[in-house]
Amino acid sequence: SASWFFAGLAVNQADPEVAIARYRRGIELNPDESGLWVNMGAVLYEMGRFDEALIAAQSALALSPGQALILVNLANAQSRCGDRDTAIENYRRALESEPRMAEAWTGLAIALDERGDETSAEDAYRRAVALQPDSARLLENYVAYLQERRRHDEALQLIKSAVQRRPGDLALQRLLGVALNTAGQAEEALAALRAAHQLDRYDTLTLLALSDAYRDVGEIERSIETLRELVAIDQDFKPAWANLGGMLFRSGDSRASVVASRRALAIDEAQPEVWFNLGNALLDDDLDEAERAWRRALELDSGHAMSRYSLGLVAERRGQDLTAIDHYRQATELDPTFAPAWFNLGRLSERHGDHLGAVEAISKLGQVRSDTACDLALLGEAYWNMGYAEPAMASFLRARELGENDPWLPANFGQVVDQCRREFEAIKDSLPRLQKFLEGGDQPVDPLEVRDLTRTALATGRALTAARWYRELFSRDPALLVGADVSHCLTAVRCAVAAGLGVGPEAEALDAEERAAWRRLAREWLDAWAAAGEAQIAQEPAAAATRARSGHALANDRALEMVRRPVPLAHLPEPEQLAWKR
């Protein structure tokens, strides 16, 4: 049995498949040798074949019940297979017999952390590190735990103390450099990793970390040189090829990036990040191949937000805006902090009349990155097009303040802002009269005053109040709704639609049924106006031209796009969508 045991160990690193075959042969010859199962399970685990590693650990445990090392291997595999609670039980069983087994404490800590028990997890990490304070392998897990919680100083102090005790330890020196880089101390990280490189100039993990450090201080060419040095040492080291593909694309060498990425995929095809990088490199030369690469990334990792976003870019290039919107929306669901996806979702939503969707997307964008002039200009446009002028002007003016010369802004942005401001100032002139009615609880009676005050109310987020005024006005004088002068109908419908979509503080408080009722009333007003027009034309054919002009104004009103165009309509119940399309 010993010969098969050592034969397997000898080829574990060189060729894991050969090692597994030899272990299996050894098990056939020595079915009672648990060590063969243990070592084969370890190889399977390192290869990511966790289900098979679990079977191997169970077989080993059946031959050597209660052995701590086997229990830890079993727990590791169970944790990877999703049976975290059983894994925790087995880590604890191992510690009952071997309380000083640091690996068991570390495995327990990881499983407890994944279960959400941070207090117990940290206690287990501390016990592991107390047993082996200078083990880079064990420190690495606790350091990651601390740095995920922004406790960088504690993490760095642990490593620095270990380095002081063991100044020539390559793994500790490398861990220090990586931790410094994670903490945002790029220059210090670079110095630490250069020191590690001096300890062993051929260590692949150090070279990989050193390349990352060069990248993070902006030395892109040095990063690429380091990766090339690395693949010359180990031509099958897939992280090096994967990173090289990404860095070459970043440097502008798309063709070389494609070659490196394909080499990484030849070593291991199941790398979503590499497929993503490959798609980036192919985008300008072969749109179809780029799309295939990003779709493959999503097949491997359905949560890969950047690949989903990239499919949105492909759809846009093909003129498929509605498909692009769907991809961008999915990208924001996968990663709510993905700023470019929020911006593109807002931009296309606005382009297709979904002003509310644009406001929502750009508002979310403002939560994940600092405002830019372009973001605020888009937000202002969306507010303005739905008739909500007050926040529109605030957004426009803030955009101008941040940078009217922003290259992403339209060339005529300044002129647009000036025009909108003049219109808004005219609306504001009637604010005192509006406030008087709001405070007194009365309602304007004169139709022209209702129309003028309604525009001001809509502009300041009081669409619900304005819609109520028009409902009362039309009940007193139905002729105002259906007359040839479309201004009353158009203004009233704008207000009812805005109220029905929850625009403004008043309407936001309405429930779904109340909002639907206002949208239904807006359709009734439109239908009444259209029916009256048909009747008038039947009696007075000469009225057709006037009615046509008024109908064109209704059909092309920007505020009413929110219930007429496909993108915003998709937010409404399906029966209502059909009603608006008629």
Foldseek 3Di string as FASTA:
>chain_A
DVVLLVVLVVCLPVDVVVSLVSLVVVCVVVVLDLSSLQVNLVSCVVVVVLVSSLVSLVSSCVSPPLALSSLQSNLVSCVSVPNLVVSLVSLVSSCVVVVLPLSSLQSNLVSCVVVPNNVSSLVSLVSSCVSPLLDLVSLLSVLVVCVVVVNLVVSLVSLVVSCVVPVLDLSSLLSNLLSCVSNVNLVVSLVSLVVSCVSPVQDLSSLQSNLVSCVSVPNLVVSLVSLVVNCVSPVLPLVSLLVNLQSCVVVVNLVVSLVSLVSSCVSPVLDLSSLQSNLSSCVVPDVVSSLVSLVSSCVSPVLPLSSLQVVLVSCVVVVNLVSSLVSLVVSCVSPVLPLVSLQSNLVSCVVQLQLVSNLVSLVSSVVNDPDELLSLQSNLSSCVLLLQLPSSLVSLVVSVVRPPPPVVDDPCSVVVSVVSVVVLVVLVVCVVVLVVCVVVVHADQDLVVLLSSLSSCSNNQNLVVSLVNLVVNCVVPVCVLQDLPPSSLLSNLSSLLCLLVQGHPVSVPDDNVVSVVSNVVNLVSVVNNVVSQVVVCVVPVVCVVSSVVSVVCNVPRSSCSCLEGDPNVVVDPPVSNVSNPD
